[in-house]
Structures are given as structure tokens and as C-alpha cells.
PDB file of N, CA and C in Angstrom:
ATOM      1  N   MET A   1     -20.653 -16.772   1.433  1.00  0.00           N
ATOM      2  CA  MET A   1     -19.351 -15.781   0.526  1.00  0.00           C
ATOM      3  C   MET A   1     -19.857 -14.109   0.755  1.00  0.00           C
ATOM      4  N   SER A   2     -21.361 -14.155   0.592  1.00  0.00           N
ATOM      5  CA  SER A   2     -21.271 -12.236   0.937  1.00  0.00           C
ATOM      6  C   SER A   2     -21.264 -12.099   2.503  1.00  0.00           C
ATOM      7  N   GLN A   3     -20.023 -11.062   2.291  1.00  0.00           N
ATOM      8  CA  GLN A   3     -19.628 -10.664   3.493  1.00  0.00           C
ATOM      9  C   GLN A   3     -20.253  -9.622   4.318  1.00  0.00           C
ATOM     10  N   THR A   4     -20.842  -9.338   5.491  1.00  0.00           N
ATOM     11  CA  THR A   4     -21.139  -7.911   6.279  1.00  0.00           C
ATOM     12  C   THR A   4     -20.250  -6.985   6.133  1.00  0.00           C
ATOM     13  N   LEU A   5     -20.679  -5.871   5.432  1.00  0.00           N
ATOM     14  CA  LEU A   5     -19.442  -4.655   5.610  1.00  0.00           C
ATOM     15  C   LEU A   5     -19.786  -3.958   6.550  1.00  0.00           C
ATOM     16  N   PRO A   6     -18.712  -3.147   6.759  1.00  0.00           N
ATOM     17  CA  PRO A   6     -19.027  -2.055   7.897  1.00  0.00           C
ATOM     18  C   PRO A   6     -19.213  -0.812   7.295  1.00  0.00           C
ATOM     19  N   PRO A   7     -19.817   0.446   8.157  1.00  0.00           N
ATOM     20  CA  PRO A   7     -20.585   1.150   7.930  1.00  0.00           C
ATOM     21  C   PRO A   7     -19.881   1.991   6.889  1.00  0.00           C
ATOM     22  N   LYS A   8     -20.107   3.001   5.598  1.00  0.00           N
ATOM     23  CA  LYS A   8     -19.534   3.446   4.915  1.00  0.00           C
ATOM     24  C   LYS A   8     -18.637   4.471   5.812  1.00  0.00           C
ATOM     25  N   THR A   9     -17.802   5.475   5.085  1.00  0.00           N
ATOM     26  CA  THR A   9     -17.264   6.155   5.957  1.00  0.00           C
ATOM     27  C   THR A   9     -17.286   7.777   4.657  1.00  0.00           C
ATOM     28  N   CYS A  10     -17.406   7.665   3.823  1.00  0.00           N
ATOM     29  CA  CYS A  10     -17.987   8.573   2.798  1.00  0.00           C
ATOM     30  C   CYS A  10     -18.799   8.441   1.922  1.00  0.00           C
ATOM     31  N   SER A  11     -19.459   9.494   1.091  1.00  0.00           N
ATOM     32  CA  SER A  11     -20.353   9.283   0.116  1.00  0.00           C
ATOM     33  C   SER A  11     -19.808   8.545  -1.071  1.00  0.00           C
ATOM     34  N   ILE A  12     -20.579   8.210  -1.543  1.00  0.00           N
ATOM     35  CA  ILE A  12     -20.413   7.944  -3.294  1.00  0.00           C
ATOM     36  C   ILE A  12     -19.820   8.968  -4.196  1.00  0.00           C
ATOM     37  N   GLU A  13     -20.728  10.270  -4.016  1.00  0.00           N
ATOM     38  CA  GLU A  13     -20.127  11.234  -4.738  1.00  0.00           C
ATOM     39  C   GLU A  13     -18.619  12.071  -4.348  1.00  0.00           C
ATOM     40  N   ARG A  14     -18.098  10.983  -3.553  1.00  0.00           N
ATOM     41  CA  ARG A  14     -16.834  11.216  -2.980  1.00  0.00           C
ATOM     42  C   ARG A  14     -15.623  10.799  -3.820  1.00  0.00           C
ATOM     43  N   MET A  15     -16.306   9.416  -4.548  1.00  0.00           N
ATOM     44  CA  MET A  15     -15.301   7.905  -4.566  1.00  0.00           C
ATOM     45  C   MET A  15     -14.438   8.061  -6.160  1.00  0.00           C
ATOM     46  N   VAL A  16     -14.936   8.829  -6.813  1.00  0.00           N
ATOM     47  CA  VAL A  16     -13.857   9.253  -8.065  1.00  0.00           C
ATOM     48  C   VAL A  16     -13.909  10.983  -8.309  1.00  0.00           C
ATOM     49  N   THR A  17     -13.095  11.852  -7.863  1.00  0.00           N
ATOM     50  CA  THR A  17     -13.572  13.060  -8.352  1.00  0.00           C
ATOM     51  C   THR A  17     -12.333  13.783  -8.667  1.00  0.00           C
ATOM     52  N   MET A  18     -10.685  12.883  -8.958  1.00  0.00           N
ATOM     53  CA  MET A  18     -10.162  14.011  -9.514  1.00  0.00           C
ATOM     54  C   MET A  18     -10.063  13.988 -11.224  1.00  0.00           C
ATOM     55  N   ASP A  19      -9.903  14.746 -12.163  1.00  0.00           N
ATOM     56  CA  ASP A  19     -10.402  15.068 -13.178  1.00  0.00           C
ATOM     57  C   ASP A  19      -9.613  14.409 -14.122  1.00  0.00           C
ATOM     58  N   GLN A  20      -8.390  13.304 -13.857  1.00  0.00           N
ATOM     59  CA  GLN A  20      -7.877  12.498 -14.915  1.00  0.00           C
ATOM     60  C   GLN A  20      -8.900  11.110 -14.734  1.00  0.00           C
ATOM     61  N   ASP A  21      -9.013  10.700 -13.048  1.00  0.00           N
ATOM     62  CA  ASP A  21      -9.927   9.791 -13.178  1.00  0.00           C
ATOM     63  C   ASP A  21     -11.323   9.787 -13.418  1.00  0.00           C
ATOM     64  N   VAL A  22     -11.818  10.869 -13.674  1.00  0.00           N
ATOM     65  CA  VAL A  22     -12.991  10.988 -14.077  1.00  0.00           C
ATOM     66  C   VAL A  22     -12.917  10.677 -15.372  1.00  0.00           C
ATOM     67  N   GLN A  23     -11.933  11.010 -16.182  1.00  0.00           N
ATOM     68  CA  GLN A  23     -11.941  10.863 -17.420  1.00  0.00           C
ATOM     69  C   GLN A  23     -11.126   9.422 -17.900  1.00  0.00           C
ATOM     70  N   LEU A  24     -10.747   8.668 -17.324  1.00  0.00           N
ATOM     71  CA  LEU A  24     -10.404   6.905 -17.352  1.00  0.00           C
ATOM     72  C   LEU A  24     -11.681   6.793 -17.176  1.00  0.00           C
ATOM     73  N   VAL A  25     -12.363   6.925 -16.528  1.00  0.00           N
ATOM     74  CA  VAL A  25     -14.167   5.955 -16.174  1.00  0.00           C
ATOM     75  C   VAL A  25     -14.859   6.726 -17.461  1.00  0.00           C
ATOM     76  N   LEU A  26     -14.895   7.680 -17.682  1.00  0.00           N
ATOM     77  CA  LEU A  26     -15.710   7.802 -18.878  1.00  0.00           C
ATOM     78  C   LEU A  26     -15.114   7.565 -20.093  1.00  0.00           C
ATOM     79  N   GLU A  27     -13.958   7.011 -20.277  1.00  0.00           N
ATOM     80  CA  GLU A  27     -13.346   6.178 -21.363  1.00  0.00           C
ATOM     81  C   GLU A  27     -13.714   4.913 -21.170  1.00  0.00           C
ATOM     82  N   GLY A  28     -14.079   4.287 -20.343  1.00  0.00           N
ATOM     83  CA  GLY A  28     -13.955   3.087 -20.371  1.00  0.00           C
ATOM     84  C   GLY A  28     -12.624   2.377 -19.278  1.00  0.00           C
ATOM     85  N   LYS A  29     -11.595   2.947 -19.386  1.00  0.00           N
ATOM     86  CA  LYS A  29     -10.344   3.100 -19.074  1.00  0.00           C
ATOM     87  C   LYS A  29     -10.295   2.133 -17.708  1.00  0.00           C
ATOM     88  N   LYS A  30     -11.033   2.965 -17.156  1.00  0.00           N
ATOM     89  CA  LYS A  30     -11.257   2.768 -15.499  1.00  0.00           C
ATOM     90  C   LYS A  30     -12.107   2.045 -14.618  1.00  0.00           C
ATOM     91  N   THR A  31     -12.440   0.830 -14.034  1.00  0.00           N
ATOM     92  CA  THR A  31     -13.292  -0.047 -13.585  1.00  0.00           C
ATOM     93  C   THR A  31     -13.048   0.065 -12.172  1.00  0.00           C
ATOM     94  N   ALA A  32     -12.429   0.443 -11.141  1.00  0.00           N
ATOM     95  CA  ALA A  32     -11.883   0.062 -10.102  1.00  0.00           C
ATOM     96  C   ALA A  32     -11.360   1.688  -9.666  1.00  0.00           C
ATOM     97  N   THR A  33     -11.695   1.985  -8.306  1.00  0.00           N
ATOM     98  CA  THR A  33     -10.842   2.504  -7.755  1.00  0.00           C
ATOM     99  C   THR A  33     -10.743   2.336  -5.931  1.00  0.00           C
ATOM    100  N   ARG A  34      -9.341   2.503  -5.731  1.00  0.00           N
ATOM    101  CA  ARG A  34      -9.121   2.323  -4.511  1.00  0.00           C
ATOM    102  C   ARG A  34      -9.331   3.020  -3.283  1.00  0.00           C
ATOM    103  N   ARG A  35      -9.652   3.319  -2.333  1.00  0.00           N
ATOM    104  CA  ARG A  35      -9.631   4.336  -1.375  1.00  0.00           C
ATOM    105  C   ARG A  35      -9.549   3.916   0.211  1.00  0.00           C
ATOM    106  N   ASN A  36      -8.897   4.956   1.095  1.00  0.00           N
ATOM    107  CA  ASN A  36      -8.178   4.687   2.636  1.00  0.00           C
ATOM    108  C   ASN A  36     -10.110   3.997   2.735  1.00  0.00           C
ATOM    109  N   GLY A  37     -10.962   4.549   2.893  1.00  0.00           N
ATOM    110  CA  GLY A  37     -12.436   3.915   3.211  1.00  0.00           C
ATOM    111  C   GLY A  37     -13.407   3.732   2.334  1.00  0.00           C
ATOM    112  N   ARG A  38     -14.310   3.132   2.860  1.00  0.00           N
ATOM    113  CA  ARG A  38     -15.639   2.996   2.151  1.00  0.00           C
ATOM    114  C   ARG A  38     -16.547   4.000   1.807  1.00  0.00           C
ATOM    115  N   TYR A  39     -16.579   4.105   0.202  1.00  0.00           N
ATOM    116  CA  TYR A  39     -17.330   4.835   0.061  1.00  0.00           C
ATOM    117  C   TYR A  39     -18.357   4.485  -0.581  1.00  0.00           C
ATOM    118  N   ALA A  40     -19.047   3.414  -1.124  1.00  0.00           N
ATOM    119  CA  ALA A  40     -20.028   2.845  -1.535  1.00  0.00           C
ATOM    120  C   ALA A  40     -20.590   1.688  -0.892  1.00  0.00           C
ATOM    121  N   ASP A  41     -21.744   1.138  -1.745  1.00  0.00           N
ATOM    122  CA  ASP A  41     -22.122  -0.087  -1.016  1.00  0.00           C
ATOM    123  C   ASP A  41     -22.455  -0.895  -2.690  1.00  0.00           C
ATOM    124  N   PRO A  42     -22.326  -2.201  -2.866  1.00  0.00           N
ATOM    125  CA  PRO A  42     -22.727  -2.972  -3.923  1.00  0.00           C
ATOM    126  C   PRO A  42     -23.819  -2.677  -4.493  1.00  0.00           C
ATOM    127  N   GLY A  43     -24.282  -2.190  -6.056  1.00  0.00           N
ATOM    128  CA  GLY A  43     -25.634  -1.818  -6.274  1.00  0.00           C
ATOM    129  C   GLY A  43     -25.603  -0.158  -6.269  1.00  0.00           C
ATOM    130  N   GLU A  44     -25.109   0.263  -5.445  1.00  0.00           N
ATOM    131  CA  GLU A  44     -24.931   2.033  -5.608  1.00  0.00           C
ATOM    132  C   GLU A  44     -24.590   2.372  -6.940  1.00  0.00           C
ATOM    133  N   VAL A  45     -25.294   3.439  -7.153  1.00  0.00           N
ATOM    134  CA  VAL A  45     -24.974   4.069  -8.677  1.00  0.00           C
ATOM    135  C   VAL A  45     -24.079   6.028  -8.577  1.00  0.00           C
ATOM    136  N   MET A  46     -22.844   5.495  -8.951  1.00  0.00           N
ATOM    137  CA  MET A  46     -22.790   6.926  -8.904  1.00  0.00           C
ATOM    138  C   MET A  46     -22.805   7.857 -10.484  1.00  0.00           C
ATOM    139  N   GLU A  47     -23.132   8.739 -10.749  1.00  0.00           N
ATOM    140  CA  GLU A  47     -22.809   9.691 -11.686  1.00  0.00           C
ATOM    141  C   GLU A  47     -21.903  10.530 -12.076  1.00  0.00           C
ATOM    142  N   LEU A  48     -21.155  10.528 -13.185  1.00  0.00           N
ATOM    143  CA  LEU A  48     -20.099  10.829 -13.724  1.00  0.00           C
ATOM    144  C   LEU A  48     -20.276  11.932 -15.253  1.00  0.00           C
ATOM    145  N   ASP A  49     -20.685  13.165 -15.395  1.00  0.00           N
ATOM    146  CA  ASP A  49     -20.851  14.057 -16.315  1.00  0.00           C
ATOM    147  C   ASP A  49     -21.749  13.412 -17.357  1.00  0.00           C
ATOM    148  N   GLY A  50     -23.320  13.228 -16.379  1.00  0.00           N
ATOM    149  CA  GLY A  50     -24.576  13.076 -16.660  1.00  0.00           C
ATOM    150  C   GLY A  50     -24.529  11.156 -16.884  1.00  0.00           C
ATOM    151  N   ARG A  51     -23.474  10.523 -16.685  1.00  0.00           N
ATOM    152  CA  ARG A  51     -23.431   8.703 -16.933  1.00  0.00           C
ATOM    153  C   ARG A  51     -23.234   8.272 -15.568  1.00  0.00           C
ATOM    154  N   LYS A  52     -24.185   7.280 -15.617  1.00  0.00           N
ATOM    155  CA  LYS A  52     -24.301   6.610 -14.408  1.00  0.00           C
ATOM    156  C   LYS A  52     -23.398   5.119 -14.113  1.00  0.00           C
ATOM    157  N   PHE A  53     -22.949   4.877 -12.961  1.00  0.00           N
ATOM    158  CA  PHE A  53     -22.099   3.772 -12.549  1.00  0.00           C
ATOM    159  C   PHE A  53     -22.266   3.078 -11.816  1.00  0.00           C
ATOM    160  N   GLU A  54     -22.734   1.692 -11.689  1.00  0.00           N
ATOM    161  CA  GLU A  54     -23.509   0.769 -10.902  1.00  0.00           C
ATOM    162  C   GLU A  54     -21.889  -0.056 -10.044  1.00  0.00           C
ATOM    163  N   VAL A  55     -21.386   0.330  -8.944  1.00  0.00           N
ATOM    164  CA  VAL A  55     -20.759  -0.298  -7.918  1.00  0.00           C
ATOM    165  C   VAL A  55     -21.454  -1.979  -7.844  1.00  0.00           C
ATOM    166  N   THR A  56     -20.397  -2.927  -8.760  1.00  0.00           N
ATOM    167  CA  THR A  56     -20.603  -4.094  -8.982  1.00  0.00           C
ATOM    168  C   THR A  56     -20.306  -4.823  -7.276  1.00  0.00           C
ATOM    169  N   LYS A  57     -18.657  -4.730  -6.992  1.00  0.00           N
ATOM    170  CA  LYS A  57     -17.995  -5.357  -6.145  1.00  0.00           C
ATOM    171  C   LYS A  57     -17.331  -3.877  -4.597  1.00  0.00           C
ATOM    172  N   VAL A  58     -17.363  -4.365  -3.957  1.00  0.00           N
ATOM    173  CA  VAL A  58     -16.699  -3.765  -2.822  1.00  0.00           C
ATOM    174  C   VAL A  58     -15.570  -4.610  -2.043  1.00  0.00           C
ATOM    175  N   TYR A  59     -14.508  -4.240  -1.351  1.00  0.00           N
ATOM    176  CA  TYR A  59     -13.787  -5.510  -0.692  1.00  0.00           C
ATOM    177  C   TYR A  59     -12.934  -4.929  -0.521  1.00  0.00           C
ATOM    178  N   GLN A  60     -11.940  -5.560   0.305  1.00  0.00           N
ATOM    179  CA  GLN A  60     -10.703  -4.806   1.017  1.00  0.00           C
ATOM    180  C   GLN A  60      -9.954  -5.915   0.436  1.00  0.00           C
ATOM    181  N   GLN A  61      -8.129  -5.066   0.363  1.00  0.00           N
ATOM    182  CA  GLN A  61      -7.413  -6.045  -0.376  1.00  0.00           C
ATOM    183  C   GLN A  61      -6.370  -5.311   0.053  1.00  0.00           C
ATOM    184  N   SER A  62      -4.753  -5.514   0.376  1.00  0.00           N
ATOM    185  CA  SER A  62      -3.616  -4.877   0.523  1.00  0.00           C
ATOM    186  C   SER A  62      -3.103  -4.783  -0.471  1.00  0.00           C
ATOM    187  N   LEU A  63      -1.567  -3.531  -0.462  1.00  0.00           N
ATOM    188  CA  LEU A  63      -1.388  -2.549  -1.959  1.00  0.00           C
ATOM    189  C   LEU A  63      -0.170  -4.194  -2.411  1.00  0.00           C
ATOM    190  N   GLY A  64      -0.093  -4.285  -1.250  1.00  0.00           N
ATOM    191  CA  GLY A  64       1.337  -5.542  -1.936  1.00  0.00           C
ATOM    192  C   GLY A  64       0.553  -6.868  -2.625  1.00  0.00           C
ATOM    193  N   GLU A  65      -1.409  -7.067  -2.741  1.00  0.00           N
ATOM    194  CA  GLU A  65      -2.145  -8.162  -3.089  1.00  0.00           C
ATOM    195  C   GLU A  65      -2.372  -7.654  -4.615  1.00  0.00           C
ATOM    196  N   MET A  66      -1.621  -6.180  -4.693  1.00  0.00           N
ATOM    197  CA  MET A  66      -2.204  -5.563  -6.195  1.00  0.00           C
ATOM    198  C   MET A  66      -1.377  -6.419  -7.535  1.00  0.00           C
ATOM    199  N   THR A  67      -2.155  -6.617  -8.205  1.00  0.00           N
ATOM    200  CA  THR A  67      -1.338  -7.050  -9.657  1.00  0.00           C
ATOM    201  C   THR A  67      -1.482  -6.146 -10.961  1.00  0.00           C
ATOM    202  N   ASP A  68      -0.898  -6.186 -11.762  1.00  0.00           N
ATOM    203  CA  ASP A  68      -0.554  -5.534 -13.016  1.00  0.00           C
ATOM    204  C   ASP A  68      -2.382  -5.475 -13.481  1.00  0.00           C
ATOM    205  N   GLU A  69      -2.885  -6.391 -13.270  1.00  0.00           N
ATOM    206  CA  GLU A  69      -4.739  -6.359 -13.873  1.00  0.00           C
ATOM    207  C   GLU A  69      -5.052  -5.255 -12.848  1.00  0.00           C
ATOM    208  N   ASP A  70      -4.985  -5.822 -11.578  1.00  0.00           N
ATOM    209  CA  ASP A  70      -5.771  -4.916 -11.296  1.00  0.00           C
ATOM    210  C   ASP A  70      -5.528  -3.519 -11.116  1.00  0.00           C
ATOM    211  N   ALA A  71      -3.776  -3.176 -11.275  1.00  0.00           N
ATOM    212  CA  ALA A  71      -3.804  -1.620 -11.487  1.00  0.00           C
ATOM    213  C   ALA A  71      -4.194  -0.943 -13.224  1.00  0.00           C
ATOM    214  N   GLN A  72      -4.612  -2.129 -14.402  1.00  0.00           N
ATOM    215  CA  GLN A  72      -5.267  -1.818 -15.421  1.00  0.00           C
ATOM    216  C   GLN A  72      -6.756  -1.976 -15.542  1.00  0.00           C
ATOM    217  N   LYS A  73      -7.670  -2.197 -14.272  1.00  0.00           N
ATOM    218  CA  LYS A  73      -8.996  -1.918 -13.861  1.00  0.00           C
ATOM    219  C   LYS A  73      -9.151  -0.074 -13.095  1.00  0.00           C
ATOM    220  N   GLU A  74      -7.726   0.042 -12.791  1.00  0.00           N
ATOM    221  CA  GLU A  74      -7.416   1.383 -11.897  1.00  0.00           C
ATOM    222  C   GLU A  74      -7.135   2.497 -12.881  1.00  0.00           C
ATOM    223  N   GLY A  75      -6.996   1.995 -14.661  1.00  0.00           N
ATOM    224  CA  GLY A  75      -6.354   2.662 -15.594  1.00  0.00           C
ATOM    225  C   GLY A  75      -5.417   3.064 -16.200  1.00  0.00           C
ATOM    226  N   TYR A  76      -4.772   2.134 -15.278  1.00  0.00           N
ATOM    227  CA  TYR A  76      -2.800   2.480 -15.228  1.00  0.00           C
ATOM    228  C   TYR A  76      -2.164   1.062 -16.161  1.00  0.00           C
ATOM    229  N   THR A  77      -1.090   1.146 -16.949  1.00  0.00           N
ATOM    230  CA  THR A  77      -1.052  -0.035 -17.774  1.00  0.00           C
ATOM    231  C   THR A  77      -0.136  -1.056 -17.095  1.00  0.00           C
ATOM    232  N   SER A  78       0.624  -0.331 -15.934  1.00  0.00           N
ATOM    233  CA  SER A  78       1.066  -1.572 -14.836  1.00  0.00           C
ATOM    234  C   SER A  78       1.089  -0.924 -13.015  1.00  0.00           C
ATOM    235  N   MET A  79       1.353  -1.695 -12.368  1.00  0.00           N
ATOM    236  CA  MET A  79       1.538  -1.677 -10.997  1.00  0.00           C
ATOM    237  C   MET A  79       2.579  -0.249 -10.636  1.00  0.00           C
ATOM    238  N   GLU A  80       3.721  -0.186 -11.705  1.00  0.00           N
ATOM    239  CA  GLU A  80       4.980   0.764 -11.551  1.00  0.00           C
ATOM    240  C   GLU A  80       3.735   2.363 -12.206  1.00  0.00           C
ATOM    241  N   ASP A  81       2.861   2.258 -12.940  1.00  0.00           N
ATOM    242  CA  ASP A  81       2.662   3.351 -13.277  1.00  0.00           C
ATOM    243  C   ASP A  81       1.459   3.981 -12.276  1.00  0.00           C
ATOM    244  N   TYR A  82       0.931   2.155 -11.805  1.00  0.00           N
ATOM    245  CA  TYR A  82      -0.926   3.085 -10.774  1.00  0.00           C
ATOM    246  C   TYR A  82      -0.281   4.008  -9.247  1.00  0.00           C
ATOM    247  N   LYS A  83       1.472   3.190  -8.899  1.00  0.00           N
ATOM    248  CA  LYS A  83       2.020   3.423  -7.887  1.00  0.00           C
ATOM    249  C   LYS A  83       2.538   4.601  -8.003  1.00  0.00           C
ATOM    250  N   ASN A  84       3.223   5.310  -9.141  1.00  0.00           N
ATOM    251  CA  ASN A  84       3.638   7.028  -9.211  1.00  0.00           C
ATOM    252  C   ASN A  84       2.648   7.537  -9.765  1.00  0.00           C
ATOM    253  N   TYR A  85       1.482   7.378  -9.876  1.00  0.00           N
ATOM    254  CA  TYR A  85       0.287   8.325  -9.957  1.00  0.00           C
ATOM    255  C   TYR A  85       0.147   8.438  -8.434  1.00  0.00           C
ATOM    256  N   ILE A  86      -0.192   7.764  -7.686  1.00  0.00           N
ATOM    257  CA  ILE A  86      -0.945   7.342  -6.331  1.00  0.00           C
ATOM    258  C   ILE A  86       0.488   8.537  -5.432  1.00  0.00           C
ATOM    259  N   LEU A  87       1.413   8.225  -5.922  1.00  0.00           N
ATOM    260  CA  LEU A  87       2.251   8.660  -5.068  1.00  0.00           C
ATOM    261  C   LEU A  87       2.586  10.407  -5.331  1.00  0.00           C
ATOM    262  N   SER A  88       2.289  10.616  -7.081  1.00  0.00           N
ATOM    263  CA  SER A  88       2.331  11.995  -6.874  1.00  0.00           C
ATOM    264  C   SER A  88       1.053  12.906  -6.326  1.00  0.00           C
ATOM    265  N   LEU A  89       0.179  11.731  -5.765  1.00  0.00           N
ATOM    266  CA  LEU A  89      -1.360  12.491  -5.476  1.00  0.00           C
ATOM    267  C   LEU A  89      -1.305  12.733  -3.951  1.00  0.00           C
ATOM    268  N   HIS A  90      -0.203  12.173  -3.532  1.00  0.00           N
ATOM    269  CA  HIS A  90      -0.216  12.264  -1.922  1.00  0.00           C
ATOM    270  C   HIS A  90       1.781  12.172  -1.759  1.00  0.00           C
ATOM    271  N   PRO A  91       2.697  13.276  -1.784  1.00  0.00           N
ATOM    272  CA  PRO A  91       3.361  13.283  -1.836  1.00  0.00           C
ATOM    273  C   PRO A  91       4.015  13.051  -0.229  1.00  0.00           C
ATOM    274  N   GLY A  92       5.285  12.020  -0.182  1.00  0.00           N
ATOM    275  CA  GLY A  92       5.458  11.720   1.142  1.00  0.00           C
ATOM    276  C   GLY A  92       5.229  10.744   1.597  1.00  0.00           C
ATOM    277  N   MET A  93       4.087  10.204   1.311  1.00  0.00           N
ATOM    278  CA  MET A  93       3.396   8.945   1.881  1.00  0.00           C
ATOM    279  C   MET A  93       3.968   7.654   1.424  1.00  0.00           C
ATOM    280  N   PRO A  94       4.238   6.929   2.060  1.00  0.00           N
ATOM    281  CA  PRO A  94       5.006   5.565   1.811  1.00  0.00           C
ATOM    282  C   PRO A  94       4.021   4.765   1.041  1.00  0.00           C
ATOM    283  N   PHE A  95       4.720   4.077  -0.028  1.00  0.00           N
ATOM    284  CA  PHE A  95       3.441   2.859  -0.592  1.00  0.00           C
ATOM    285  C   PHE A  95       3.540   1.423   0.467  1.00  0.00           C
ATOM    286  N   LEU A  96       2.848   1.046   1.120  1.00  0.00           N
ATOM    287  CA  LEU A  96       3.349   0.356   2.358  1.00  0.00           C
ATOM    288  C   LEU A  96       2.499  -1.142   1.814  1.00  0.00           C
ATOM    289  N   PRO A  97       3.104  -2.462   1.472  1.00  0.00           N
ATOM    290  CA  PRO A  97       2.709  -3.403   0.681  1.00  0.00           C
ATOM    291  C   PRO A  97       1.211  -3.962   1.932  1.00  0.00           C
ATOM    292  N   HIS A  98       1.405  -3.810   3.250  1.00  0.00           N
ATOM    293  CA  HIS A  98       0.579  -4.375   4.242  1.00  0.00           C
ATOM    294  C   HIS A  98      -0.413  -3.252   4.067  1.00  0.00           C
ATOM    295  N   MET A  99      -0.345  -2.332   3.769  1.00  0.00           N
ATOM    296  CA  MET A  99      -1.645  -1.025   3.806  1.00  0.00           C
ATOM    297  C   MET A  99      -2.604  -1.688   2.755  1.00  0.00           C
ATOM    298  N   THR A 100      -3.709  -2.188   3.939  1.00  0.00           N
ATOM    299  CA  THR A 100      -4.938  -2.163   3.102  1.00  0.00           C
ATOM    300  C   THR A 100      -5.811  -0.748   3.117  1.00  0.00           C
ATOM    301  N   VAL A 101      -6.603  -1.378   1.826  1.00  0.00           N
ATOM    302  CA  VAL A 101      -7.517  -0.298   1.093  1.00  0.00           C
ATOM    303  C   VAL A 101      -8.748  -0.886   0.411  1.00  0.00           C
ATOM    304  N   TRP A 102      -9.841   0.091   0.103  1.00  0.00           N
ATOM    305  CA  TRP A 102     -11.334  -0.768  -0.020  1.00  0.00           C
ATOM    306  C   TRP A 102     -10.963  -0.415  -1.540  1.00  0.00           C
ATOM    307  N   VAL A 103     -11.296  -1.815  -2.169  1.00  0.00           N
ATOM    308  CA  VAL A 103     -11.609  -1.584  -3.386  1.00  0.00           C
ATOM    309  C   VAL A 103     -13.223  -1.302  -4.025  1.00  0.00           C
ATOM    310  N   HIS A 104     -13.540  -0.902  -5.037  1.00  0.00           N
ATOM    311  CA  HIS A 104     -14.783  -0.319  -5.103  1.00  0.00           C
ATOM    312  C   HIS A 104     -14.644  -0.373  -7.113  1.00  0.00           C
ATOM    313  N   GLU A 105     -15.346  -1.391  -7.524  1.00  0.00           N
ATOM    314  CA  GLU A 105     -15.481  -1.882  -9.040  1.00  0.00           C
ATOM    315  C   GLU A 105     -16.712  -1.661  -9.063  1.00  0.00           C
ATOM    316  N   PHE A 106     -16.646  -1.026 -10.804  1.00  0.00           N
ATOM    317  CA  PHE A 106     -18.097  -1.009 -11.264  1.00  0.00           C
ATOM    318  C   PHE A 106     -18.302  -0.557 -12.683  1.00  0.00           C
ATOM    319  N   ASN A 107     -19.255  -0.715 -13.096  1.00  0.00           N
ATOM    320  CA  ASN A 107     -19.674  -0.595 -14.649  1.00  0.00           C
ATOM    321  C   ASN A 107     -20.466   0.398 -15.059  1.00  0.00           C
ATOM    322  N   GLU A 108     -20.230   0.721 -16.115  1.00  0.00           N
ATOM    323  CA  GLU A 108     -21.433   1.931 -16.691  1.00  0.00           C
ATOM    324  C   GLU A 108     -22.953   1.480 -16.763  1.00  0.00           C
ATOM    325  N   VAL A 109     -23.869   1.798 -16.247  1.00  0.00           N
ATOM    326  CA  VAL A 109     -25.429   1.371 -16.544  1.00  0.00           C
ATOM    327  C   VAL A 109     -25.397   2.067 -17.994  1.00  0.00           C
ATOM    328  N   LYS A 110     -26.109   0.832 -18.730  1.00  0.00           N
ATOM    329  CA  LYS A 110     -26.475   1.502 -20.157  1.00  0.00           C
ATOM    330  C   LYS A 110     -27.590   1.593 -20.286  1.00  0.00           C
TER     331      LYS A 110
END
């Protein structure tokens, strides 16, 4: 079941950087983030505001496969809210169902 992951394209320190997203993580409302590249390996730890969060899963997913449950892991109530947030960050970018992103799921290390 374990797949071999390609090399990372960025570092874990850059995985969650937007103030709004950091706040959602710290509040326990955001337990996943999607990026165009791969920012972490499973087991790697990111630190936000002095708290540690361990990456538990890293996998690819198309935007069209996302569900409301996936959007809730991102800290949003629905796919529509998540889509609007992403498009507000990237004006003019199309939200294409076939576009593949890297999903990084994580939990706080207690």
C-alpha cells in the first residue's frame, strides 16, 4: 500500500504560511492542506506558533475528487467556500476538476 513518493518540491516550513490558514490549524479546524508541490514526508513535523504538527499522510488528488469532507479538513464548511478561498488567493486562476494537487494531512503532536 505504501507508495514511493517523488522528491519534495519545497520545504515543510512553507507548507502553511497564510495567517488565516495558520489560525485555522492552531484552532484545530484545519488538518490538511493542498499544494501544487510536495512539501513534506509522512512523519515530518511542522512547527506553528511553538506547537508541533506531524504529517500523517501525503497523497495526490484531483480537485474534482474533493468532497465537502475534504474541504472541512481544510478548515472550510463546504467545497464552495474552499474554492472561493483558493480563487481569492489566485485571481484569474481556473479551478479545474482535473488539476492534481498534493494533499498533506497532519495532526498536532501532544
